[in-house]
Structures are given as C-alpha cells and as structure tokens.
Amino acid sequence: MNGKMAVLADRATHHFKSQNVKDFIKELKGKIILWPLPKRFPELYPMEQGWRGSRKNITYKLFNSKKSLGWAVKSHIRWEFKMNLAKFWG
C-alpha cells in the first residue's frame, strides 16, 4: 500500500475497540487512519435509512413462507441500495 488510507466508520464499538482492529492498525504503522463519523447524525449513515425502510416494508408484515420473506428482504436491500446509497454518494 502506497501512501495513507482513510477508512470512514460508524461508531460501532467493534470498529474502534476490537483488539483485532487495534492490532491491524498498529501493524500498518500509520498507513491507515480510522476516521469515525460524527455522533448523532443518522443522515450521514446511509444504512440507517435502510433500517427505517425495512421496518416499514418487512418487519410489520406477515409472510406465508420463508421463500416469500427471503424475496422481500432481497428486493428491499436492492431498492435501498439503489435509492438511499446512490443519493448519499450521488
């Protein structure tokens, strides 16, 4: 790896407190910078929009089979990726 790499991460504990992450960053000797997204700004976290939509489209619905639930989850993920993540990175 040439130069430095910045990694944007949400504030999940395992991104910053995990011994594996700490060891990996130490091993790269300053070539990687773990940069946390600000607290309490869910609009900066594209996945948060996805969770909101999944509660609306999947959580409160009754599915008659595992297969129909699977299709609902897959189509929701595809839609969220297209709509929300594309807008975020747009």
PDB file of N, CA and C in Angstrom:
ATOM      1  N   MET A   1       0.853  -1.174   0.000  1.00  0.00           N
ATOM      2  CA  MET A   1       0.000   0.000   0.000  1.00  0.00           C
ATOM      3  C   MET A   1       0.901   1.239   0.000  1.00  0.00           C
ATOM      4  N   ASN A   2       0.702   2.134  -0.951  1.00  0.00           N
ATOM      5  CA  ASN A   2       1.463   3.379  -1.019  1.00  0.00           C
ATOM      6  C   ASN A   2       0.656   4.502  -0.393  1.00  0.00           C
ATOM      7  N   GLY A   3       1.310   5.367   0.353  1.00  0.00           N
ATOM      8  CA  GLY A   3       0.611   6.488   0.969  1.00  0.00           C
ATOM      9  C   GLY A   3      -0.234   6.045   2.146  1.00  0.00           C
ATOM     10  N   LYS A   4      -1.199   6.907   2.513  1.00  0.00           N
ATOM     11  CA  LYS A   4      -2.094   6.611   3.629  1.00  0.00           C
ATOM     12  C   LYS A   4      -3.495   6.346   3.116  1.00  0.00           C
ATOM     13  N   MET A   5      -4.228   5.587   3.909  1.00  0.00           N
ATOM     14  CA  MET A   5      -5.606   5.275   3.567  1.00  0.00           C
ATOM     15  C   MET A   5      -6.477   5.688   4.745  1.00  0.00           C
ATOM     16  N   ALA A   6      -7.571   6.418   4.461  1.00  0.00           N
ATOM     17  CA  ALA A   6      -8.530   6.787   5.492  1.00  0.00           C
ATOM     18  C   ALA A   6      -9.748   5.887   5.355  1.00  0.00           C
ATOM     19  N   VAL A   7     -10.199   5.356   6.473  1.00  0.00           N
ATOM     20  CA  VAL A   7     -11.367   4.490   6.496  1.00  0.00           C
ATOM     21  C   VAL A   7     -12.439   5.176   7.324  1.00  0.00           C
ATOM     22  N   LEU A   8     -13.572   5.496   6.696  1.00  0.00           N
ATOM     23  CA  LEU A   8     -14.711   6.074   7.411  1.00  0.00           C
ATOM     24  C   LEU A   8     -15.480   4.942   8.067  1.00  0.00           C
ATOM     25  N   ALA A   9     -15.821   5.100   9.321  1.00  0.00           N
ATOM     26  CA  ALA A   9     -16.560   4.055  10.021  1.00  0.00           C
ATOM     27  C   ALA A   9     -17.579   4.681  10.955  1.00  0.00           C
ATOM     28  N   ASP A  10     -18.700   3.975  11.129  1.00  0.00           N
ATOM     29  CA  ASP A  10     -19.650   4.467  12.119  1.00  0.00           C
ATOM     30  C   ASP A  10     -19.069   4.180  13.496  1.00  0.00           C
ATOM     31  N   ARG A  11     -19.791   4.535  14.517  1.00  0.00           N
ATOM     32  CA  ARG A  11     -19.235   4.438  15.868  1.00  0.00           C
ATOM     33  C   ARG A  11     -19.515   3.107  16.554  1.00  0.00           C
ATOM     34  N   ALA A  12     -19.713   2.066  15.782  1.00  0.00           N
ATOM     35  CA  ALA A  12     -19.914   0.744  16.380  1.00  0.00           C
ATOM     36  C   ALA A  12     -18.664   0.371  17.172  1.00  0.00           C
ATOM     37  N   THR A  13     -18.876  -0.173  18.340  1.00  0.00           N
ATOM     38  CA  THR A  13     -17.759  -0.490  19.236  1.00  0.00           C
ATOM     39  C   THR A  13     -16.696  -1.348  18.571  1.00  0.00           C
ATOM     40  N   HIS A  14     -17.114  -2.331  17.781  1.00  0.00           N
ATOM     41  CA  HIS A  14     -16.126  -3.241  17.196  1.00  0.00           C
ATOM     42  C   HIS A  14     -15.231  -2.559  16.168  1.00  0.00           C
ATOM     43  N   HIS A  15     -15.600  -1.385  15.682  1.00  0.00           N
ATOM     44  CA  HIS A  15     -14.738  -0.681  14.736  1.00  0.00           C
ATOM     45  C   HIS A  15     -13.567   0.000  15.429  1.00  0.00           C
ATOM     46  N   PHE A  16     -13.694   0.314  16.689  1.00  0.00           N
ATOM     47  CA  PHE A  16     -12.663   1.086  17.378  1.00  0.00           C
ATOM     48  C   PHE A  16     -12.051   0.386  18.586  1.00  0.00           C
ATOM     49  N   LYS A  17     -12.791  -0.512  19.213  1.00  0.00           N
ATOM     50  CA  LYS A  17     -12.308  -1.101  20.461  1.00  0.00           C
ATOM     51  C   LYS A  17     -11.823  -2.536  20.301  1.00  0.00           C
ATOM     52  N   SER A  18     -12.100  -3.155  19.175  1.00  0.00           N
ATOM     53  CA  SER A  18     -11.693  -4.537  18.938  1.00  0.00           C
ATOM     54  C   SER A  18     -10.168  -4.651  18.918  1.00  0.00           C
ATOM     55  N   GLN A  19      -9.658  -5.661  19.599  1.00  0.00           N
ATOM     56  CA  GLN A  19      -8.211  -5.873  19.614  1.00  0.00           C
ATOM     57  C   GLN A  19      -7.690  -6.187  18.221  1.00  0.00           C
ATOM     58  N   ASN A  20      -8.490  -6.899  17.421  1.00  0.00           N
ATOM     59  CA  ASN A  20      -8.071  -7.206  16.048  1.00  0.00           C
ATOM     60  C   ASN A  20      -7.886  -5.931  15.234  1.00  0.00           C
ATOM     61  N   VAL A  21      -8.808  -4.994  15.374  1.00  0.00           N
ATOM     62  CA  VAL A  21      -8.701  -3.727  14.646  1.00  0.00           C
ATOM     63  C   VAL A  21      -7.493  -2.942  15.139  1.00  0.00           C
ATOM     64  N   LYS A  22      -7.320  -2.876  16.450  1.00  0.00           N
ATOM     65  CA  LYS A  22      -6.168  -2.158  17.009  1.00  0.00           C
ATOM     66  C   LYS A  22      -4.849  -2.754  16.509  1.00  0.00           C
ATOM     67  N   ASP A  23      -4.756  -4.078  16.507  1.00  0.00           N
ATOM     68  CA  ASP A  23      -3.538  -4.750  16.046  1.00  0.00           C
ATOM     69  C   ASP A  23      -3.289  -4.479  14.567  1.00  0.00           C
ATOM     70  N   PHE A  24      -4.355  -4.524  13.764  1.00  0.00           N
ATOM     71  CA  PHE A  24      -4.233  -4.293  12.324  1.00  0.00           C
ATOM     72  C   PHE A  24      -3.731  -2.872  12.046  1.00  0.00           C
ATOM     73  N   ILE A  25      -4.297  -1.898  12.732  1.00  0.00           N
ATOM     74  CA  ILE A  25      -3.881  -0.507  12.534  1.00  0.00           C
ATOM     75  C   ILE A  25      -2.438  -0.316  12.992  1.00  0.00           C
ATOM     76  N   LYS A  26      -2.083  -0.924  14.117  1.00  0.00           N
ATOM     77  CA  LYS A  26      -0.707  -0.829  14.622  1.00  0.00           C
ATOM     78  C   LYS A  26       0.276  -1.479  13.641  1.00  0.00           C
ATOM     79  N   GLU A  27      -0.130  -2.611  13.064  1.00  0.00           N
ATOM     80  CA  GLU A  27       0.712  -3.338  12.111  1.00  0.00           C
ATOM     81  C   GLU A  27       1.013  -2.499  10.865  1.00  0.00           C
ATOM     82  N   LEU A  28       0.063  -1.676  10.460  1.00  0.00           N
ATOM     83  CA  LEU A  28       0.259  -0.848   9.269  1.00  0.00           C
ATOM     84  C   LEU A  28       1.041   0.433   9.554  1.00  0.00           C
ATOM     85  N   LYS A  29       1.420   0.630  10.798  1.00  0.00           N
ATOM     86  CA  LYS A  29       2.324   1.724  11.192  1.00  0.00           C
ATOM     87  C   LYS A  29       1.964   3.089  10.601  1.00  0.00           C
ATOM     88  N   GLY A  30       0.752   3.533  10.841  1.00  0.00           N
ATOM     89  CA  GLY A  30       0.363   4.868  10.413  1.00  0.00           C
ATOM     90  C   GLY A  30      -0.071   4.996   8.969  1.00  0.00           C
ATOM     91  N   LYS A  31      -0.138   3.896   8.235  1.00  0.00           N
ATOM     92  CA  LYS A  31      -0.560   3.972   6.834  1.00  0.00           C
ATOM     93  C   LYS A  31      -2.074   3.977   6.684  1.00  0.00           C
ATOM     94  N   ILE A  32      -2.765   3.675   7.776  1.00  0.00           N
ATOM     95  CA  ILE A  32      -4.227   3.676   7.740  1.00  0.00           C
ATOM     96  C   ILE A  32      -4.746   4.562   8.876  1.00  0.00           C
ATOM     97  N   ILE A  33      -5.743   5.351   8.566  1.00  0.00           N
ATOM     98  CA  ILE A  33      -6.350   6.232   9.549  1.00  0.00           C
ATOM     99  C   ILE A  33      -7.819   5.828   9.665  1.00  0.00           C
ATOM    100  N   LEU A  34      -8.244   5.475  10.870  1.00  0.00           N
ATOM    101  CA  LEU A  34      -9.628   5.132  11.121  1.00  0.00           C
ATOM    102  C   LEU A  34     -10.347   6.407  11.533  1.00  0.00           C
ATOM    103  N   TRP A  35     -11.270   6.858  10.700  1.00  0.00           N
ATOM    104  CA  TRP A  35     -11.910   8.151  10.880  1.00  0.00           C
ATOM    105  C   TRP A  35     -13.384   7.938  11.211  1.00  0.00           C
ATOM    106  N   PRO A  36     -13.809   8.232  12.445  1.00  0.00           N
ATOM    107  CA  PRO A  36     -15.198   7.992  12.831  1.00  0.00           C
ATOM    108  C   PRO A  36     -16.142   9.059  12.276  1.00  0.00           C
ATOM    109  N   LEU A  37     -17.323   8.622  11.880  1.00  0.00           N
ATOM    110  CA  LEU A  37     -18.364   9.570  11.503  1.00  0.00           C
ATOM    111  C   LEU A  37     -18.859  10.247  12.776  1.00  0.00           C
ATOM    112  N   PRO A  38     -19.376  11.468  12.676  1.00  0.00           N
ATOM    113  CA  PRO A  38     -19.829  12.176  13.885  1.00  0.00           C
ATOM    114  C   PRO A  38     -20.992  11.455  14.570  1.00  0.00           C
ATOM    115  N   LYS A  39     -21.093  11.644  15.879  1.00  0.00           N
ATOM    116  CA  LYS A  39     -22.207  11.080  16.639  1.00  0.00           C
ATOM    117  C   LYS A  39     -23.488  11.836  16.328  1.00  0.00           C
ATOM    118  N   ARG A  40     -24.586  11.140  16.466  1.00  0.00           N
ATOM    119  CA  ARG A  40     -25.926  11.727  16.384  1.00  0.00           C
ATOM    120  C   ARG A  40     -26.238  12.433  15.068  1.00  0.00           C
ATOM    121  N   PHE A  41     -25.709  11.920  13.975  1.00  0.00           N
ATOM    122  CA  PHE A  41     -26.035  12.436  12.649  1.00  0.00           C
ATOM    123  C   PHE A  41     -26.459  11.265  11.767  1.00  0.00           C
ATOM    124  N   PRO A  42     -27.644  10.684  12.036  1.00  0.00           N
ATOM    125  CA  PRO A  42     -28.037   9.491  11.284  1.00  0.00           C
ATOM    126  C   PRO A  42     -28.157   9.727   9.781  1.00  0.00           C
ATOM    127  N   GLU A  43     -28.341  10.969   9.370  1.00  0.00           N
ATOM    128  CA  GLU A  43     -28.419  11.233   7.934  1.00  0.00           C
ATOM    129  C   GLU A  43     -27.075  10.988   7.242  1.00  0.00           C
ATOM    130  N   LEU A  44     -25.993  10.933   8.011  1.00  0.00           N
ATOM    131  CA  LEU A  44     -24.685  10.624   7.440  1.00  0.00           C
ATOM    132  C   LEU A  44     -24.448   9.124   7.333  1.00  0.00           C
ATOM    133  N   TYR A  45     -25.294   8.350   7.967  1.00  0.00           N
ATOM    134  CA  TYR A  45     -25.163   6.907   7.955  1.00  0.00           C
ATOM    135  C   TYR A  45     -26.197   6.342   6.981  1.00  0.00           C
ATOM    136  N   PRO A  46     -25.800   6.031   5.769  1.00  0.00           N
ATOM    137  CA  PRO A  46     -26.774   5.578   4.775  1.00  0.00           C
ATOM    138  C   PRO A  46     -27.564   4.351   5.215  1.00  0.00           C
ATOM    139  N   MET A  47     -26.956   3.474   5.980  1.00  0.00           N
ATOM    140  CA  MET A  47     -27.656   2.258   6.388  1.00  0.00           C
ATOM    141  C   MET A  47     -28.807   2.551   7.335  1.00  0.00           C
ATOM    142  N   GLU A  48     -28.727   3.642   8.092  1.00  0.00           N
ATOM    143  CA  GLU A  48     -29.816   3.987   8.994  1.00  0.00           C
ATOM    144  C   GLU A  48     -31.118   4.193   8.230  1.00  0.00           C
ATOM    145  N   GLN A  49     -31.023   4.771   7.052  1.00  0.00           N
ATOM    146  CA  GLN A  49     -32.212   4.943   6.225  1.00  0.00           C
ATOM    147  C   GLN A  49     -32.756   3.575   5.812  1.00  0.00           C
ATOM    148  N   GLY A  50     -31.872   2.642   5.576  1.00  0.00           N
ATOM    149  CA  GLY A  50     -32.278   1.292   5.204  1.00  0.00           C
ATOM    150  C   GLY A  50     -33.025   0.580   6.315  1.00  0.00           C
ATOM    151  N   TRP A  51     -32.570   0.759   7.568  1.00  0.00           N
ATOM    152  CA  TRP A  51     -33.263   0.131   8.693  1.00  0.00           C
ATOM    153  C   TRP A  51     -34.670   0.689   8.824  1.00  0.00           C
ATOM    154  N   ARG A  52     -34.806   1.985   8.647  1.00  0.00           N
ATOM    155  CA  ARG A  52     -36.124   2.617   8.750  1.00  0.00           C
ATOM    156  C   ARG A  52     -37.072   2.012   7.707  1.00  0.00           C
ATOM    157  N   GLY A  53     -36.596   1.884   6.490  1.00  0.00           N
ATOM    158  CA  GLY A  53     -37.411   1.313   5.429  1.00  0.00           C
ATOM    159  C   GLY A  53     -37.722  -0.155   5.656  1.00  0.00           C
ATOM    160  N   SER A  54     -36.779  -0.908   6.227  1.00  0.00           N
ATOM    161  CA  SER A  54     -37.029  -2.338   6.446  1.00  0.00           C
ATOM    162  C   SER A  54     -38.124  -2.541   7.484  1.00  0.00           C
ATOM    163  N   ARG A  55     -38.157  -1.694   8.490  1.00  0.00           N
ATOM    164  CA  ARG A  55     -39.231  -1.814   9.475  1.00  0.00           C
ATOM    165  C   ARG A  55     -40.585  -1.594   8.809  1.00  0.00           C
ATOM    166  N   LYS A  56     -40.632  -0.671   7.878  1.00  0.00           N
ATOM    167  CA  LYS A  56     -41.885  -0.377   7.178  1.00  0.00           C
ATOM    168  C   LYS A  56     -42.252  -1.498   6.200  1.00  0.00           C
ATOM    169  N   ASN A  57     -41.291  -1.996   5.447  1.00  0.00           N
ATOM    170  CA  ASN A  57     -41.564  -2.934   4.361  1.00  0.00           C
ATOM    171  C   ASN A  57     -41.492  -4.407   4.732  1.00  0.00           C
ATOM    172  N   ILE A  58     -40.824  -4.732   5.832  1.00  0.00           N
ATOM    173  CA  ILE A  58     -40.627  -6.147   6.150  1.00  0.00           C
ATOM    174  C   ILE A  58     -41.088  -6.504   7.565  1.00  0.00           C
ATOM    175  N   THR A  59     -40.661  -5.750   8.550  1.00  0.00           N
ATOM    176  CA  THR A  59     -40.885  -6.133   9.945  1.00  0.00           C
ATOM    177  C   THR A  59     -42.353  -6.320  10.290  1.00  0.00           C
ATOM    178  N   TYR A  60     -43.187  -5.438   9.858  1.00  0.00           N
ATOM    179  CA  TYR A  60     -44.586  -5.481  10.278  1.00  0.00           C
ATOM    180  C   TYR A  60     -45.499  -6.151   9.264  1.00  0.00           C
ATOM    181  N   LYS A  61     -44.964  -7.061   8.485  1.00  0.00           N
ATOM    182  CA  LYS A  61     -45.769  -7.809   7.514  1.00  0.00           C
ATOM    183  C   LYS A  61     -45.729  -9.289   7.849  1.00  0.00           C
ATOM    184  N   LEU A  62     -46.787  -9.969   7.477  1.00  0.00           N
ATOM    185  CA  LEU A  62     -46.855 -11.408   7.685  1.00  0.00           C
ATOM    186  C   LEU A  62     -46.568 -12.097   6.361  1.00  0.00           C
ATOM    187  N   PHE A  63     -45.591 -12.988   6.356  1.00  0.00           N
ATOM    188  CA  PHE A  63     -45.225 -13.727   5.149  1.00  0.00           C
ATOM    189  C   PHE A  63     -45.670 -15.169   5.311  1.00  0.00           C
ATOM    190  N   ASN A  64     -46.160 -15.769   4.230  1.00  0.00           N
ATOM    191  CA  ASN A  64     -46.681 -17.133   4.325  1.00  0.00           C
ATOM    192  C   ASN A  64     -45.615 -18.208   4.106  1.00  0.00           C
ATOM    193  N   SER A  65     -44.383 -17.808   3.803  1.00  0.00           N
ATOM    194  CA  SER A  65     -43.304 -18.787   3.657  1.00  0.00           C
ATOM    195  C   SER A  65     -41.950 -18.108   3.834  1.00  0.00           C
ATOM    196  N   LYS A  66     -40.941 -18.928   4.104  1.00  0.00           N
ATOM    197  CA  LYS A  66     -39.580 -18.393   4.210  1.00  0.00           C
ATOM    198  C   LYS A  66     -39.128 -17.824   2.876  1.00  0.00           C
ATOM    199  N   LYS A  67     -39.568 -18.465   1.804  1.00  0.00           N
ATOM    200  CA  LYS A  67     -39.175 -18.016   0.468  1.00  0.00           C
ATOM    201  C   LYS A  67     -39.713 -16.613   0.172  1.00  0.00           C
ATOM    202  N   SER A  68     -40.966 -16.358   0.508  1.00  0.00           N
ATOM    203  CA  SER A  68     -41.524 -15.018   0.253  1.00  0.00           C
ATOM    204  C   SER A  68     -40.865 -13.972   1.149  1.00  0.00           C
ATOM    205  N   LEU A  69     -40.512 -14.353   2.379  1.00  0.00           N
ATOM    206  CA  LEU A  69     -39.762 -13.439   3.248  1.00  0.00           C
ATOM    207  C   LEU A  69     -38.393 -13.151   2.641  1.00  0.00           C
ATOM    208  N   GLY A  70     -37.731 -14.195   2.141  1.00  0.00           N
ATOM    209  CA  GLY A  70     -36.417 -14.025   1.517  1.00  0.00           C
ATOM    210  C   GLY A  70     -36.472 -13.081   0.331  1.00  0.00           C
ATOM    211  N   TRP A  71     -37.488 -13.248  -0.515  1.00  0.00           N
ATOM    212  CA  TRP A  71     -37.631 -12.352  -1.676  1.00  0.00           C
ATOM    213  C   TRP A  71     -37.897 -10.918  -1.234  1.00  0.00           C
ATOM    214  N   ALA A  72     -38.690 -10.746  -0.180  1.00  0.00           N
ATOM    215  CA  ALA A  72     -38.981  -9.394   0.318  1.00  0.00           C
ATOM    216  C   ALA A  72     -37.702  -8.731   0.832  1.00  0.00           C
ATOM    217  N   VAL A  73     -36.885  -9.492   1.554  1.00  0.00           N
ATOM    218  CA  VAL A  73     -35.628  -8.945   2.077  1.00  0.00           C
ATOM    219  C   VAL A  73     -34.682  -8.596   0.928  1.00  0.00           C
ATOM    220  N   LYS A  74     -34.528  -9.502  -0.032  1.00  0.00           N
ATOM    221  CA  LYS A  74     -33.637  -9.236  -1.167  1.00  0.00           C
ATOM    222  C   LYS A  74     -34.086  -8.016  -1.965  1.00  0.00           C
ATOM    223  N   SER A  75     -35.375  -7.929  -2.244  1.00  0.00           N
ATOM    224  CA  SER A  75     -35.839  -6.783  -3.037  1.00  0.00           C
ATOM    225  C   SER A  75     -35.717  -5.483  -2.249  1.00  0.00           C
ATOM    226  N   HIS A  76     -35.925  -5.554  -0.947  1.00  0.00           N
ATOM    227  CA  HIS A  76     -35.767  -4.350  -0.121  1.00  0.00           C
ATOM    228  C   HIS A  76     -34.309  -3.879  -0.125  1.00  0.00           C
ATOM    229  N   ILE A  77     -33.392  -4.804   0.024  1.00  0.00           N
ATOM    230  CA  ILE A  77     -31.966  -4.444   0.026  1.00  0.00           C
ATOM    231  C   ILE A  77     -31.572  -3.824  -1.307  1.00  0.00           C
ATOM    232  N   ARG A  78     -32.017  -4.435  -2.404  1.00  0.00           N
ATOM    233  CA  ARG A  78     -31.714  -3.872  -3.720  1.00  0.00           C
ATOM    234  C   ARG A  78     -32.268  -2.453  -3.852  1.00  0.00           C
ATOM    235  N   TRP A  79     -33.509  -2.266  -3.432  1.00  0.00           N
ATOM    236  CA  TRP A  79     -34.145  -0.948  -3.543  1.00  0.00           C
ATOM    237  C   TRP A  79     -33.409   0.071  -2.675  1.00  0.00           C
ATOM    238  N   GLU A  80     -33.107  -0.301  -1.436  1.00  0.00           N
ATOM    239  CA  GLU A  80     -32.399   0.615  -0.535  1.00  0.00           C
ATOM    240  C   GLU A  80     -31.042   0.989  -1.102  1.00  0.00           C
ATOM    241  N   PHE A  81     -30.333   0.018  -1.623  1.00  0.00           N
ATOM    242  CA  PHE A  81     -29.011   0.294  -2.173  1.00  0.00           C
ATOM    243  C   PHE A  81     -29.127   1.284  -3.324  1.00  0.00           C
ATOM    244  N   LYS A  82     -30.072   1.046  -4.207  1.00  0.00           N
ATOM    245  CA  LYS A  82     -30.249   1.948  -5.355  1.00  0.00           C
ATOM    246  C   LYS A  82     -30.640   3.341  -4.919  1.00  0.00           C
ATOM    247  N   MET A  83     -31.643   3.435  -4.067  1.00  0.00           N
ATOM    248  CA  MET A  83     -32.225   4.731  -3.723  1.00  0.00           C
ATOM    249  C   MET A  83     -31.379   5.511  -2.718  1.00  0.00           C
ATOM    250  N   ASN A  84     -31.200   4.956  -1.539  1.00  0.00           N
ATOM    251  CA  ASN A  84     -30.569   5.712  -0.460  1.00  0.00           C
ATOM    252  C   ASN A  84     -29.061   5.827  -0.593  1.00  0.00           C
ATOM    253  N   LEU A  85     -28.399   4.733  -0.909  1.00  0.00           N
ATOM    254  CA  LEU A  85     -26.952   4.816  -1.017  1.00  0.00           C
ATOM    255  C   LEU A  85     -26.530   5.616  -2.239  1.00  0.00           C
ATOM    256  N   ALA A  86     -27.268   5.484  -3.323  1.00  0.00           N
ATOM    257  CA  ALA A  86     -26.944   6.263  -4.522  1.00  0.00           C
ATOM    258  C   ALA A  86     -27.124   7.752  -4.241  1.00  0.00           C
ATOM    259  N   LYS A  87     -28.168   8.114  -3.497  1.00  0.00           N
ATOM    260  CA  LYS A  87     -28.376   9.525  -3.140  1.00  0.00           C
ATOM    261  C   LYS A  87     -27.251  10.018  -2.240  1.00  0.00           C
ATOM    262  N   PHE A  88     -26.850   9.152  -1.304  1.00  0.00           N
ATOM    263  CA  PHE A  88     -25.792   9.546  -0.357  1.00  0.00           C
ATOM    264  C   PHE A  88     -24.480   9.812  -1.083  1.00  0.00           C
ATOM    265  N   TRP A  89     -24.100   8.916  -1.974  1.00  0.00           N
ATOM    266  CA  TRP A  89     -22.823   9.055  -2.657  1.00  0.00           C
ATOM    267  C   TRP A  89     -22.935   9.875  -3.919  1.00  0.00           C
ATOM    268  N   GLY A  90     -24.194  10.080  -4.393  1.00  0.00           N
ATOM    269  CA  GLY A  90     -24.561  10.742  -5.615  1.00  0.00           C
ATOM    270  C   GLY A  90     -23.710  11.776  -6.139  1.00  0.00           C
TER     271      GLY A  90
END
